[in-house]
C-alpha atoms as a PDB file:
ATOM      1  CA  MET A   1      -5.153  41.672  -3.052  1.00  0.00           C
ATOM      2  CA  THR A   2      -1.795  42.559  -4.698  1.00  0.00           C
ATOM      3  CA  ARG A   3      -0.881  41.462  -8.270  1.00  0.00           C
ATOM      4  CA  GLY A   4       1.816  39.230  -7.132  1.00  0.00           C
ATOM      5  CA  SER A   5      -0.265  37.392  -4.543  1.00  0.00           C
ATOM      6  CA  SER A   6      -2.924  36.935  -7.280  1.00  0.00           C
ATOM      7  CA  THR A   7      -0.407  35.452  -9.698  1.00  0.00           C
ATOM      8  CA  ASP A   8       0.782  32.988  -6.820  1.00  0.00           C
ATOM      9  CA  GLU A   9      -2.817  31.902  -6.193  1.00  0.00           C
ATOM     10  CA  GLY A  10      -3.358  31.371  -9.859  1.00  0.00           C
ATOM     11  CA  ALA A  11      -0.172  29.285 -10.141  1.00  0.00           C
ATOM     12  CA  LEU A  12      -1.195  27.266  -7.091  1.00  0.00           C
ATOM     13  CA  PHE A  13      -4.576  26.685  -8.619  1.00  0.00           C
ATOM     14  CA  TRP A  14      -3.196  25.148 -11.790  1.00  0.00           C
ATOM     15  CA  LYS A  15      -0.704  23.001  -9.659  1.00  0.00           C
ATOM     16  CA  ARG A  16      -3.728  21.563  -7.884  1.00  0.00           C
ATOM     17  CA  ILE A  17      -5.388  20.803 -11.263  1.00  0.00           C
ATOM     18  CA  PHE A  18      -2.238  19.399 -12.919  1.00  0.00           C
ATOM     19  CA  SER A  19      -1.395  17.216  -9.893  1.00  0.00           C
ATOM     20  CA  ALA A  20      -4.915  15.805  -9.541  1.00  0.00           C
ATOM     21  CA  SER A  21      -5.198  15.118 -13.312  1.00  0.00           C
ATOM     22  CA  ALA A  22      -1.802  13.377 -13.354  1.00  0.00           C
ATOM     23  CA  TYR A  23      -2.942  11.286 -10.430  1.00  0.00           C
ATOM     24  CA  ALA A  24      -6.074  10.354 -12.060  1.00  0.00           C
ATOM     25  CA  LEU A  25      -4.302   9.402 -15.328  1.00  0.00           C
ATOM     26  CA  ALA A  26      -1.711   7.259 -13.539  1.00  0.00           C
ATOM     27  CA  SER A  27      -4.243   5.468 -11.228  1.00  0.00           C
ATOM     28  CA  PHE A  28      -6.414   4.675 -14.421  1.00  0.00           C
ATOM     29  CA  ALA A  29      -3.489   3.343 -16.398  1.00  0.00           C
ATOM     30  CA  ILE A  30      -2.217   1.144 -13.471  1.00  0.00           C
ATOM     31  CA  THR A  31      -5.495  -0.248 -12.670  1.00  0.00           C
ATOM     32  CA  VAL A  32      -6.139  -1.461 -16.169  1.00  0.00           C
ATOM     33  CA  VAL A  33      -2.537  -2.899 -16.475  1.00  0.00           C
ATOM     34  CA  ASN A  34      -2.735  -4.679 -13.096  1.00  0.00           C
ATOM     35  CA  LYS A  35      -6.138  -6.240 -14.015  1.00  0.00           C
ATOM     36  CA  THR A  36      -4.610  -7.815 -16.992  1.00  0.00           C
ATOM     37  CA  VAL A  37      -1.424  -8.989 -15.188  1.00  0.00           C
ATOM     38  CA  LEU A  38      -3.306 -10.347 -12.143  1.00  0.00           C
ATOM     39  CA  THR A  39      -6.383 -11.814 -13.681  1.00  0.00           C
ATOM     40  CA  ASN A  40      -5.558 -12.752 -17.285  1.00  0.00           C
ATOM     41  CA  TYR A  41      -1.965 -13.991 -16.422  1.00  0.00           C
ATOM     42  CA  GLY A  42      -2.627 -15.056 -12.768  1.00  0.00           C
ATOM     43  CA  CYS A  43       0.471 -13.237 -11.501  1.00  0.00           C
ATOM     44  CA  PRO A  44       0.662 -13.455  -7.745  1.00  0.00           C
ATOM     45  CA  ALA A  45      -0.292 -10.110  -6.304  1.00  0.00           C
ATOM     46  CA  SER A  46       2.538  -9.838  -3.674  1.00  0.00           C
ATOM     47  CA  ILE A  47       5.092 -10.458  -6.327  1.00  0.00           C
ATOM     48  CA  LEU A  48       3.724  -7.444  -8.425  1.00  0.00           C
ATOM     49  CA  GLY A  49       3.793  -5.414  -5.226  1.00  0.00           C
ATOM     50  CA  ILE A  50       7.413  -6.220  -4.638  1.00  0.00           C
ATOM     51  CA  GLY A  51       8.259  -5.326  -8.104  1.00  0.00           C
ATOM     52  CA  GLN A  52       6.572  -1.867  -7.657  1.00  0.00           C
ATOM     53  CA  MET A  53       8.654  -1.341  -4.495  1.00  0.00           C
ATOM     54  CA  VAL A  54      11.913  -2.227  -6.098  1.00  0.00           C
ATOM     55  CA  ALA A  55      11.172  -0.019  -9.163  1.00  0.00           C
ATOM     56  CA  THR A  56      10.484   2.993  -6.758  1.00  0.00           C
ATOM     57  CA  ILE A  57      13.757   2.187  -4.679  1.00  0.00           C
ATOM     58  CA  VAL A  58      15.824   2.003  -7.884  1.00  0.00           C
ATOM     59  CA  VAL A  59      14.436   5.005  -9.610  1.00  0.00           C
ATOM     60  CA  LEU A  60      14.836   7.336  -6.686  1.00  0.00           C
ATOM     61  CA  PHE A  61      18.204   6.055  -5.723  1.00  0.00           C
ATOM     62  CA  GLY A  62      19.520   6.434  -9.202  1.00  0.00           C
ATOM     63  CA  ALA A  63      17.912  10.115  -9.346  1.00  0.00           C
ATOM     64  CA  LYS A  64      19.547  11.059  -6.140  1.00  0.00           C
ATOM     65  CA  LYS A  65      22.964   9.768  -7.280  1.00  0.00           C
ATOM     66  CA  ILE A  66      22.822  11.944 -10.391  1.00  0.00           C
ATOM     67  CA  ARG A  67      21.503  14.800  -8.286  1.00  0.00           C
ATOM     68  CA  LEU A  68      18.062  15.111  -9.941  1.00  0.00           C
ATOM     69  CA  VAL A  69      16.318  14.755  -6.505  1.00  0.00           C
ATOM     70  CA  THR A  70      17.492  15.150  -2.917  1.00  0.00           C
ATOM     71  CA  PHE A  71      16.291  13.613   0.189  1.00  0.00           C
ATOM     72  CA  PRO A  72      17.995  12.946   3.633  1.00  0.00           C
ATOM     73  CA  SER A  73      20.288   9.958   3.945  1.00  0.00           C
ATOM     74  CA  LEU A  74      19.397   6.992   6.027  1.00  0.00           C
ATOM     75  CA  GLU A  75      19.792   7.402   9.811  1.00  0.00           C
ATOM     76  CA  ILE A  76      18.634   5.542  12.899  1.00  0.00           C
ATOM     77  CA  ALA A  77      15.838   8.168  13.366  1.00  0.00           C
ATOM     78  CA  THR A  78      14.467   7.803   9.834  1.00  0.00           C
ATOM     79  CA  PHE A  79      12.160   4.991  10.675  1.00  0.00           C
ATOM     80  CA  GLY A  80      10.583   7.023  13.494  1.00  0.00           C
ATOM     81  CA  LYS A  81      10.067  10.043  11.218  1.00  0.00           C
ATOM     82  CA  ILE A  82       8.157   8.053   8.656  1.00  0.00           C
ATOM     83  CA  PHE A  83       6.214   5.521  10.860  1.00  0.00           C
ATOM     84  CA  PRO A  84       3.509   4.327  10.372  1.00  0.00           C
ATOM     85  CA  LEU A  85       3.542   5.139   6.688  1.00  0.00           C
ATOM     86  CA  PRO A  86       5.536   2.010   5.493  1.00  0.00           C
ATOM     87  CA  ILE A  87       3.084  -0.392   7.060  1.00  0.00           C
ATOM     88  CA  ILE A  88       0.110   1.495   5.726  1.00  0.00           C
ATOM     89  CA  TYR A  89       1.837   1.616   2.287  1.00  0.00           C
ATOM     90  CA  MET A  90       2.293  -2.035   2.053  1.00  0.00           C
ATOM     91  CA  GLY A  91      -1.234  -2.829   3.398  1.00  0.00           C
ATOM     92  CA  ASN A  92      -2.620  -0.449   0.843  1.00  0.00           C
ATOM     93  CA  MET A  93      -0.591  -1.950  -2.077  1.00  0.00           C
ATOM     94  CA  LEU A  94      -1.354  -5.670  -1.196  1.00  0.00           C
ATOM     95  CA  THR A  95      -5.009  -5.380  -0.487  1.00  0.00           C
ATOM     96  CA  GLY A  96      -5.407  -3.060  -3.584  1.00  0.00           C
ATOM     97  CA  LEU A  97      -3.808  -5.745  -5.819  1.00  0.00           C
ATOM     98  CA  GLY A  98      -5.833  -8.562  -4.116  1.00  0.00           C
ATOM     99  CA  GLY A  99      -9.052  -6.607  -4.643  1.00  0.00           C
ATOM    100  CA  THR A 100      -8.224  -5.890  -8.312  1.00  0.00           C
ATOM    101  CA  LYS A 101      -7.629  -9.779  -8.935  1.00  0.00           C
ATOM    102  CA  GLU A 102     -10.608 -10.902  -6.957  1.00  0.00           C
ATOM    103  CA  LEU A 103     -13.397  -8.634  -8.257  1.00  0.00           C
ATOM    104  CA  SER A 104     -14.742  -7.161 -11.514  1.00  0.00           C
ATOM    105  CA  LEU A 105     -13.407  -3.761 -12.168  1.00  0.00           C
ATOM    106  CA  PRO A 106     -16.904  -1.986 -11.927  1.00  0.00           C
ATOM    107  CA  MET A 107     -17.385  -3.510  -8.394  1.00  0.00           C
ATOM    108  CA  PHE A 108     -13.856  -2.885  -7.290  1.00  0.00           C
ATOM    109  CA  THR A 109     -14.105   0.716  -8.319  1.00  0.00           C
ATOM    110  CA  VAL A 110     -17.469   1.398  -6.682  1.00  0.00           C
ATOM    111  CA  LEU A 111     -16.374  -0.214  -3.405  1.00  0.00           C
ATOM    112  CA  ARG A 112     -13.427   1.825  -3.395  1.00  0.00           C
ATOM    113  CA  ARG A 113     -15.533   4.900  -2.723  1.00  0.00           C
ATOM    114  CA  PHE A 114     -16.013   3.755   0.867  1.00  0.00           C
ATOM    115  CA  SER A 115     -12.430   5.143   1.272  1.00  0.00           C
ATOM    116  CA  ILE A 116     -13.765   8.678   0.834  1.00  0.00           C
ATOM    117  CA  LEU A 117     -15.961   8.384   3.763  1.00  0.00           C
ATOM    118  CA  MET A 118     -13.244   6.898   5.881  1.00  0.00           C
ATOM    119  CA  THR A 119     -10.836   9.745   4.811  1.00  0.00           C
ATOM    120  CA  MET A 120     -13.498  12.330   5.579  1.00  0.00           C
ATOM    121  CA  ILE A 121     -13.886  10.924   9.244  1.00  0.00           C
ATOM    122  CA  LEU A 122     -10.094  10.761   9.595  1.00  0.00           C
ATOM    123  CA  GLU A 123      -9.450  14.253   8.545  1.00  0.00           C
ATOM    124  CA  LEU A 124     -11.970  15.425  10.983  1.00  0.00           C
ATOM    125  CA  TYR A 125     -10.301  13.746  13.919  1.00  0.00           C
ATOM    126  CA  ILE A 126      -6.624  13.624  12.900  1.00  0.00           C
ATOM    127  CA  LEU A 127      -6.246  16.894  10.925  1.00  0.00           C
ATOM    128  CA  ALA A 128      -9.095  18.799  12.448  1.00  0.00           C
ATOM    129  CA  VAL A 129     -10.617  19.513   8.830  1.00  0.00           C
ATOM    130  CA  LYS A 130     -14.336  19.549   8.270  1.00  0.00           C
ATOM    131  CA  PRO A 131     -15.790  19.435   4.626  1.00  0.00           C
ATOM    132  CA  ASN A 132     -18.636  21.830   3.841  1.00  0.00           C
ATOM    133  CA  PHE A 133     -22.204  20.642   3.162  1.00  0.00           C
ATOM    134  CA  SER A 134     -21.795  20.456  -0.654  1.00  0.00           C
ATOM    135  CA  VAL A 135     -18.703  17.985  -0.223  1.00  0.00           C
ATOM    136  CA  GLN A 136     -20.559  15.940   2.359  1.00  0.00           C
ATOM    137  CA  PHE A 137     -23.604  15.595   0.042  1.00  0.00           C
ATOM    138  CA  SER A 138     -21.505  14.438  -2.760  1.00  0.00           C
ATOM    139  CA  VAL A 139     -19.685  11.848  -0.607  1.00  0.00           C
ATOM    140  CA  TYR A 140     -23.006  10.546   0.789  1.00  0.00           C
ATOM    141  CA  THR A 141     -24.355  10.290  -2.785  1.00  0.00           C
ATOM    142  CA  MET A 142     -21.323   8.027  -3.739  1.00  0.00           C
ATOM    143  CA  ILE A 143     -21.730   5.839  -0.813  1.00  0.00           C
ATOM    144  CA  ILE A 144     -25.548   5.287  -1.387  1.00  0.00           C
ATOM    145  CA  GLY A 145     -24.759   4.311  -4.815  1.00  0.00           C
ATOM    146  CA  ALA A 146     -21.974   1.976  -3.750  1.00  0.00           C
ATOM    147  CA  ILE A 147     -24.515   0.294  -1.253  1.00  0.00           C
ATOM    148  CA  VAL A 148     -27.148  -0.104  -3.858  1.00  0.00           C
ATOM    149  CA  ALA A 149     -24.775  -1.703  -6.466  1.00  0.00           C
ATOM    150  CA  ALA A 150     -23.223  -4.047  -3.741  1.00  0.00           C
ATOM    151  CA  SER A 151     -26.768  -5.201  -2.750  1.00  0.00           C
ATOM    152  CA  ASN A 152     -27.151  -6.764  -6.158  1.00  0.00           C
ATOM    153  CA  ASP A 153     -23.764  -8.035  -7.037  1.00  0.00           C
ATOM    154  CA  ILE A 154     -24.577 -11.261  -8.695  1.00  0.00           C
ATOM    155  CA  ALA A 155     -20.751 -12.182  -8.852  1.00  0.00           C
ATOM    156  CA  PHE A 156     -20.315 -11.540  -5.037  1.00  0.00           C
ATOM    157  CA  ASN A 157     -16.925 -12.546  -3.816  1.00  0.00           C
ATOM    158  CA  LEU A 158     -16.319 -12.414  -0.146  1.00  0.00           C
ATOM    159  CA  HIS A 159     -12.503 -12.324  -0.283  1.00  0.00           C
ATOM    160  CA  GLY A 160     -12.645  -9.609  -2.822  1.00  0.00           C
ATOM    161  CA  TYR A 161     -14.871  -7.462  -0.558  1.00  0.00           C
ATOM    162  CA  VAL A 162     -12.659  -7.946   2.433  1.00  0.00           C
ATOM    163  CA  TYR A 163      -9.639  -6.943   0.304  1.00  0.00           C
ATOM    164  CA  VAL A 164     -11.309  -3.797  -0.966  1.00  0.00           C
ATOM    165  CA  LEU A 165     -12.684  -2.638   2.394  1.00  0.00           C
ATOM    166  CA  LEU A 166      -9.294  -3.127   3.828  1.00  0.00           C
ATOM    167  CA  ASN A 167      -7.739  -1.205   1.032  1.00  0.00           C
ATOM    168  CA  ASP A 168     -10.349   1.605   1.562  1.00  0.00           C
ATOM    169  CA  PHE A 169      -9.038   1.709   5.179  1.00  0.00           C
ATOM    170  CA  PHE A 170      -5.314   1.869   4.220  1.00  0.00           C
ATOM    171  CA  THR A 171      -6.059   4.413   1.420  1.00  0.00           C
ATOM    172  CA  ALA A 172      -7.751   6.718   4.002  1.00  0.00           C
ATOM    173  CA  THR A 173      -5.103   6.437   6.665  1.00  0.00           C
ATOM    174  CA  ASN A 174      -2.305   6.792   4.078  1.00  0.00           C
ATOM    175  CA  GLY A 175      -3.655   9.972   2.632  1.00  0.00           C
ATOM    176  CA  VAL A 176      -4.240  11.575   5.972  1.00  0.00           C
ATOM    177  CA  TYR A 177      -0.849  10.599   7.640  1.00  0.00           C
ATOM    178  CA  MET A 178       0.984  11.475   4.262  1.00  0.00           C
ATOM    179  CA  LYS A 179      -0.474  14.860   4.379  1.00  0.00           C
ATOM    180  CA  LYS A 180       0.692  15.200   8.126  1.00  0.00           C
ATOM    181  CA  LYS A 181       4.233  13.938   7.245  1.00  0.00           C
ATOM    182  CA  LEU A 182       4.404  16.392   4.210  1.00  0.00           C
ATOM    183  CA  ASP A 183       3.541  19.294   6.380  1.00  0.00           C
ATOM    184  CA  SER A 184       6.253  18.368   8.821  1.00  0.00           C
ATOM    185  CA  LYS A 185       8.858  18.542   5.992  1.00  0.00           C
ATOM    186  CA  GLU A 186      11.281  16.258   7.776  1.00  0.00           C
ATOM    187  CA  LEU A 187      11.996  13.758   4.943  1.00  0.00           C
ATOM    188  CA  GLY A 188      10.548  15.616   1.954  1.00  0.00           C
ATOM    189  CA  LYS A 189       8.299  14.183  -0.605  1.00  0.00           C
ATOM    190  CA  TYR A 190      11.116  12.066  -2.349  1.00  0.00           C
ATOM    191  CA  GLY A 191      12.322  10.831   1.056  1.00  0.00           C
ATOM    192  CA  LEU A 192       8.832   9.645   1.944  1.00  0.00           C
ATOM    193  CA  LEU A 193       8.427   7.567  -1.350  1.00  0.00           C
ATOM    194  CA  TYR A 194      11.944   6.111  -0.941  1.00  0.00           C
ATOM    195  CA  TYR A 195      11.821   5.005   2.630  1.00  0.00           C
ATOM    196  CA  ASN A 196       8.183   3.802   2.422  1.00  0.00           C
ATOM    197  CA  SER A 197       9.419   1.272  -0.184  1.00  0.00           C
ATOM    198  CA  LEU A 198      12.880   0.494   1.285  1.00  0.00           C
ATOM    199  CA  PHE A 199      11.571  -0.339   4.959  1.00  0.00           C
ATOM    200  CA  MET A 200       8.697  -2.489   3.675  1.00  0.00           C
ATOM    201  CA  LEU A 201      10.704  -4.585   0.963  1.00  0.00           C
ATOM    202  CA  ILE A 202      12.033  -7.251   3.246  1.00  0.00           C
ATOM    203  CA  PRO A 203       8.786  -7.652   5.203  1.00  0.00           C
ATOM    204  CA  ALA A 204       7.006  -7.921   1.954  1.00  0.00           C
ATOM    205  CA  LEU A 205       9.464 -10.673   0.748  1.00  0.00           C
ATOM    206  CA  PHE A 206       8.849 -12.673   4.037  1.00  0.00           C
ATOM    207  CA  PHE A 207       5.061 -12.223   3.531  1.00  0.00           C
ATOM    208  CA  ALA A 208       5.321 -13.588  -0.208  1.00  0.00           C
ATOM    209  CA  PHE A 209       7.405 -16.494   1.165  1.00  0.00           C
ATOM    210  CA  TYR A 210       4.888 -17.123   3.911  1.00  0.00           C
ATOM    211  CA  ILE A 211       1.856 -17.268   1.677  1.00  0.00           C
ATOM    212  CA  GLY A 212       3.684 -19.303  -0.947  1.00  0.00           C
ATOM    213  CA  ASP A 213       3.724 -16.621  -3.681  1.00  0.00           C
ATOM    214  CA  LEU A 214       7.557 -16.913  -3.980  1.00  0.00           C
ATOM    215  CA  ASP A 215       7.248 -20.540  -5.015  1.00  0.00           C
ATOM    216  CA  LEU A 216       4.396 -19.512  -7.474  1.00  0.00           C
ATOM    217  CA  ALA A 217       6.701 -16.857  -8.922  1.00  0.00           C
ATOM    218  CA  TYR A 218       9.572 -19.339  -9.292  1.00  0.00           C
ATOM    219  CA  ASN A 219       7.330 -21.737 -11.285  1.00  0.00           C
ATOM    220  CA  PHE A 220       5.370 -18.998 -13.083  1.00  0.00           C
ATOM    221  CA  PRO A 221       4.994 -19.958 -16.732  1.00  0.00           C
ATOM    222  CA  TYR A 222       4.951 -16.463 -18.288  1.00  0.00           C
ATOM    223  CA  TRP A 223       8.381 -15.216 -17.377  1.00  0.00           C
ATOM    224  CA  ASN A 224       9.490 -15.961 -21.055  1.00  0.00           C
ATOM    225  CA  ASP A 225       6.350 -14.215 -22.434  1.00  0.00           C
ATOM    226  CA  TYR A 226       7.514 -10.842 -23.754  1.00  0.00           C
ATOM    227  CA  LEU A 227       3.960  -9.398 -23.842  1.00  0.00           C
ATOM    228  CA  PHE A 228       3.506 -10.388 -20.138  1.00  0.00           C
ATOM    229  CA  LEU A 229       6.993  -8.924 -19.194  1.00  0.00           C
ATOM    230  CA  ALA A 230       6.087  -5.655 -20.971  1.00  0.00           C
ATOM    231  CA  GLN A 231       2.984  -5.364 -18.973  1.00  0.00           C
ATOM    232  CA  PHE A 232       4.665  -6.480 -15.710  1.00  0.00           C
ATOM    233  CA  PHE A 233       7.537  -4.002 -15.986  1.00  0.00           C
ATOM    234  CA  SER A 234       5.106  -1.306 -17.176  1.00  0.00           C
ATOM    235  CA  SER A 235       3.117  -1.889 -13.907  1.00  0.00           C
ATOM    236  CA  CYS A 236       6.156  -1.738 -11.731  1.00  0.00           C
ATOM    237  CA  ILE A 237       7.250   1.688 -13.264  1.00  0.00           C
ATOM    238  CA  MET A 238       3.720   3.024 -13.073  1.00  0.00           C
ATOM    239  CA  GLY A 239       3.530   1.892  -9.373  1.00  0.00           C
ATOM    240  CA  PHE A 240       6.365   4.567  -8.738  1.00  0.00           C
ATOM    241  CA  LEU A 241       4.497   7.172 -10.953  1.00  0.00           C
ATOM    242  CA  LEU A 242       1.299   6.440  -8.944  1.00  0.00           C
ATOM    243  CA  SER A 243       2.980   6.925  -5.729  1.00  0.00           C
ATOM    244  CA  TYR A 244       4.513  10.079  -6.792  1.00  0.00           C
ATOM    245  CA  SER A 245       1.249  11.569  -8.248  1.00  0.00           C
ATOM    246  CA  ILE A 246      -0.661  10.635  -5.048  1.00  0.00           C
ATOM    247  CA  LEU A 247       1.912  12.483  -3.012  1.00  0.00           C
ATOM    248  CA  MET A 248       1.891  15.540  -5.117  1.00  0.00           C
ATOM    249  CA  CYS A 249      -1.921  15.596  -5.124  1.00  0.00           C
ATOM    250  CA  THR A 250      -2.048  15.272  -1.523  1.00  0.00           C
ATOM    251  CA  TYR A 251       0.551  17.999  -1.175  1.00  0.00           C
ATOM    252  CA  TYR A 252      -1.269  20.633  -3.323  1.00  0.00           C
ATOM    253  CA  ASN A 253      -4.744  19.670  -2.381  1.00  0.00           C
ATOM    254  CA  SER A 254      -6.069  17.548   0.540  1.00  0.00           C
ATOM    255  CA  ALA A 255      -6.096  13.917   1.513  1.00  0.00           C
ATOM    256  CA  LEU A 256      -9.868  13.796   0.864  1.00  0.00           C
ATOM    257  CA  THR A 257      -9.385  15.418  -2.527  1.00  0.00           C
ATOM    258  CA  THR A 258      -6.741  12.954  -3.394  1.00  0.00           C
ATOM    259  CA  THR A 259      -9.031   9.989  -2.353  1.00  0.00           C
ATOM    260  CA  ILE A 260     -12.018  11.256  -4.403  1.00  0.00           C
ATOM    261  CA  ILE A 261      -9.964  12.057  -7.508  1.00  0.00           C
ATOM    262  CA  GLY A 262      -8.697   8.494  -7.353  1.00  0.00           C
ATOM    263  CA  CYS A 263     -12.500   7.456  -7.290  1.00  0.00           C
ATOM    264  CA  LEU A 264     -13.355   9.950 -10.003  1.00  0.00           C
ATOM    265  CA  LYS A 265     -10.957   8.331 -12.608  1.00  0.00           C
ATOM    266  CA  ASN A 266     -12.980   5.213 -11.898  1.00  0.00           C
ATOM    267  CA  ILE A 267     -15.779   6.626 -13.925  1.00  0.00           C
ATOM    268  CA  CYS A 268     -13.876   5.582 -16.938  1.00  0.00           C
ATOM    269  CA  ILE A 269     -12.798   2.197 -15.165  1.00  0.00           C
ATOM    270  CA  THR A 270     -16.361   1.499 -14.122  1.00  0.00           C
ATOM    271  CA  TYR A 271     -17.757   1.531 -17.689  1.00  0.00           C
ATOM    272  CA  LEU A 272     -14.580   0.049 -19.459  1.00  0.00           C
ATOM    273  CA  GLY A 273     -14.492  -2.681 -16.780  1.00  0.00           C
ATOM    274  CA  MET A 274     -17.698  -4.122 -17.961  1.00  0.00           C
ATOM    275  CA  VAL A 275     -15.845  -5.391 -20.965  1.00  0.00           C
ATOM    276  CA  ILE A 276     -12.197  -5.551 -19.665  1.00  0.00           C
ATOM    277  CA  GLY A 277     -11.460  -8.762 -17.556  1.00  0.00           C
ATOM    278  CA  GLY A 278     -14.653 -10.533 -18.605  1.00  0.00           C
ATOM    279  CA  ASP A 279     -15.797 -11.027 -14.926  1.00  0.00           C
ATOM    280  CA  TYR A 280     -18.577  -8.352 -14.595  1.00  0.00           C
ATOM    281  CA  ILE A 281     -22.247  -9.699 -14.532  1.00  0.00           C
ATOM    282  CA  PHE A 282     -24.911  -7.225 -15.367  1.00  0.00           C
ATOM    283  CA  SER A 283     -28.027  -6.384 -13.341  1.00  0.00           C
ATOM    284  CA  TRP A 284     -30.300  -3.288 -13.427  1.00  0.00           C
ATOM    285  CA  ILE A 285     -30.105  -2.679  -9.705  1.00  0.00           C
ATOM    286  CA  ASN A 286     -26.226  -2.990  -9.699  1.00  0.00           C
ATOM    287  CA  PHE A 287     -26.005  -0.790 -12.805  1.00  0.00           C
ATOM    288  CA  ILE A 288     -28.173   1.901 -11.386  1.00  0.00           C
ATOM    289  CA  GLY A 289     -26.093   1.934  -8.082  1.00  0.00           C
ATOM    290  CA  LEU A 290     -22.927   2.282 -10.084  1.00  0.00           C
ATOM    291  CA  ASN A 291     -24.331   5.395 -11.976  1.00  0.00           C
ATOM    292  CA  VAL A 292     -25.597   6.894  -8.641  1.00  0.00           C
ATOM    293  CA  SER A 293     -22.077   6.569  -7.304  1.00  0.00           C
ATOM    294  CA  VAL A 294     -20.619   7.984 -10.344  1.00  0.00           C
ATOM    295  CA  LEU A 295     -22.951  11.016 -10.183  1.00  0.00           C
ATOM    296  CA  GLY A 296     -21.733  11.620  -6.569  1.00  0.00           C
ATOM    297  CA  SER A 297     -18.061  11.772  -7.961  1.00  0.00           C
ATOM    298  CA  LEU A 298     -19.040  14.362 -10.654  1.00  0.00           C
ATOM    299  CA  ILE A 299     -20.779  16.543  -8.169  1.00  0.00           C
ATOM    300  CA  TYR A 300     -17.723  16.468  -5.762  1.00  0.00           C
ATOM    301  CA  THR A 301     -15.440  17.474  -8.737  1.00  0.00           C
ATOM    302  CA  TYR A 302     -17.744  20.498  -9.449  1.00  0.00           C
ATOM    303  CA  VAL A 303     -18.035  21.831  -5.973  1.00  0.00           C
ATOM    304  CA  THR A 304     -14.271  21.407  -5.268  1.00  0.00           C
ATOM    305  CA  PHE A 305     -12.803  23.047  -8.411  1.00  0.00           C
ATOM    306  CA  ARG A 306     -15.529  25.573  -9.514  1.00  0.00           C
ATOM    307  CA  LYS A 307     -13.985  28.560  -7.779  1.00  0.00           C
ATOM    308  CA  LYS A 308     -10.423  29.237  -6.592  1.00  0.00           C
ATOM    309  CA  ASP A 309     -11.755  31.505  -3.711  1.00  0.00           C
ATOM    310  CA  GLU A 310     -14.341  29.286  -2.135  1.00  0.00           C
ATOM    311  CA  VAL A 311     -13.536  27.279   1.012  1.00  0.00           C
ATOM    312  CA  ALA A 312     -14.354  23.652   0.537  1.00  0.00           C
ATOM    313  CA  TYR A 313     -12.819  22.607   3.831  1.00  0.00           C
ATOM    314  CA  THR A 314     -12.893  24.543   7.137  1.00  0.00           C
ATOM    315  CA  ALA A 315     -10.680  24.044  10.201  1.00  0.00           C
ATOM    316  CA  LEU A 316     -12.038  23.399  13.573  1.00  0.00           C
ATOM    317  CA  PRO A 317     -10.274  26.206  15.637  1.00  0.00           C
ATOM    318  CA  SER A 318     -11.165  24.651  18.992  1.00  0.00           C
ATOM    319  CA  GLN A 319      -9.160  21.538  17.901  1.00  0.00           C
ATOM    320  CA  GLY A 320      -6.166  23.767  16.814  1.00  0.00           C
ATOM    321  CA  GLY A 321      -6.749  23.010  13.110  1.00  0.00           C
ATOM    322  CA  LYS A 322      -6.048  25.184  10.004  1.00  0.00           C
ATOM    323  CA  VAL A 323      -7.735  25.576   6.837  1.00  0.00           C
ATOM    324  CA  ALA A 324      -6.668  22.672   4.659  1.00  0.00           C
ATOM    325  CA  ASN A 325      -8.089  23.351   1.258  1.00  0.00           C
ATOM    326  CA  VAL A 326      -9.169  26.718  -0.372  1.00  0.00           C
ATOM    327  CA  VAL A 327     -10.652  26.255  -3.780  1.00  0.00           C
END
């Protein structure tokens, strides 16, 4: 191995670490702020989602105008290049906000771990990528813990469970298809973010009108509350930062790594959520399940980032795949 190639590998390794850490930080911050905005203030979830879409569009459009970023201009073929990401993006955002509102943070975070199993399955069939035994073991440990915790959830909320499981599906499909679109390099990372939000803004407005959230927003009592406005606009900006960090983490790592890093940051949220929001009800079986799932997250982090030259994911040559992640 030449010195230049060794330096490049070292730089790539740190980019992987930095992108994963940035995603974890952004995801943690927005989850806490969203919980306050949605639960404590009762803000309609679709309105917050629309705010995050608008923030992404405005920030990227302005950045392109002053030439900080570049991405292709809108064409007739643009929607075909990005499809089905906009639909997945809106489903992911709205179900995630709905689940955050309906469930306590500990149960929301533990049920989010089912997205890892879904991502692993989708990577196998869509990207032809198969994780090794250590990765599979850590994933199954998380899932077992999630099942144990859910089996004794005293504050069970059916709507919340449906929201989160749908959010798991959208998260898994979003990660895998985003990795595929990034590899094609047709729109670039900024183009993916911009057109994701642009194409789904009008459908999101129609959806909010259909379910009555626009009327709720019009009569919402906290629009003159500066503390609420600060948190609402912070959430909108963090929505853009979260989308960008997800994209970069997926680009430098893999869809499965991005999904599990998102669940790893939930270690902090799991325990802080027992006091944030005020809707967690303690039971020993539930608490043990939460900790087993957290342990699985820690195992995955160790086996993924312990060595740069170990292969955590292998391709399936018979399916025309390629090595997706070398750690």
